[in-house]
Amino acid sequence: MLLKLYRITFIALINLFFLFIPCLLWFITKPFSSVHSSLLVNSIRLWSRLMCYFLGLDVRVLNLPSEQDYFFIVSNHLSYTDIPVIASVFDCVFISKEEVKNWPIIGIFSKLVGTIFVNRDSKRSTVNAIKDAEKVFKSKRSIILFPEATTSDGSSVREFKSAFFSLPEKLNLPILPLAISYKDSKSGMQNTVVPWFGNKNMLSHFWHLIGNRGIIAEVICCELIKAQGDNSLSIRKELAKVSERLVFDAYMKSIR
């Protein structure tokens, strides 16, 4: 109980701080693009690392590419914790479902940092999201996509949707597949507390999560994929399948 209260207190303080001080500076520096961009990137990175620390997540990255700073990143999706875990490693903007806007804490910060929200059932929303993503790439920041379109229970990797795979092909950007897994630091076995899926209540899940100690968040960078083709539907589907296979193989190997 004491551990939970300790973590909740500091998580609340961190989020209150980032809601007021950095946000105020963010609006003040908005007319100065270089300062504004630097402040935004550094604030996101600091917030993410602090959140991971007080959530008890030890983030470990394997095979991080060194030849380029920004990518079209696709990852499996297990929980809301995936967001600070990935953002603690990469300077990025997320493509997210519209419901995230209403999530406690994460929803507020998602709006402030420029998350691209999309209604996957709306073709117009998808088209607009692709246009917004093109602007992000021009600023040399990575785009993060969870192509499963929802979280899973951690037993496997869901099928990847192909809609946004036209982006890396159009902009000649490499695709970086990521496999995220959560393990117990002592046993090395898969942690089953972190996955948040189905109809699980977010607040009760969060209360249970913050009572855990020694969780390793492992981020495996898979082989880069060069997106080349004619931007056709078949090419996009093939890129999605190849990415899914790489993530699946890395993830299943990680949790065994």
Foldseek 3Di string as FASTA:
>chain_A
DVLLVVLVVVLVVLLVCCVPDLLVVLVVCVVPVVVNLVSLLVSLLVSLVSNCVSLQEAEDEAPDDDPAQAFAEEEAAFAPNVVSNVSNPFSEAEEAEPVLCPDPSSNVVNVVSPHQYAHVVDPVRLVVSLVSVVVVVVVVGYYYYHQLRFHDQLPFGHQGDLSNLLNCAVVFGKYKYKAKFKAAQPPLAGDRLRGDHDPDDPVVSSSVSSVDHRIYIYIYTFDIHGQYDDSDPVSSSVVRVVSRVRNRVVSVVSND
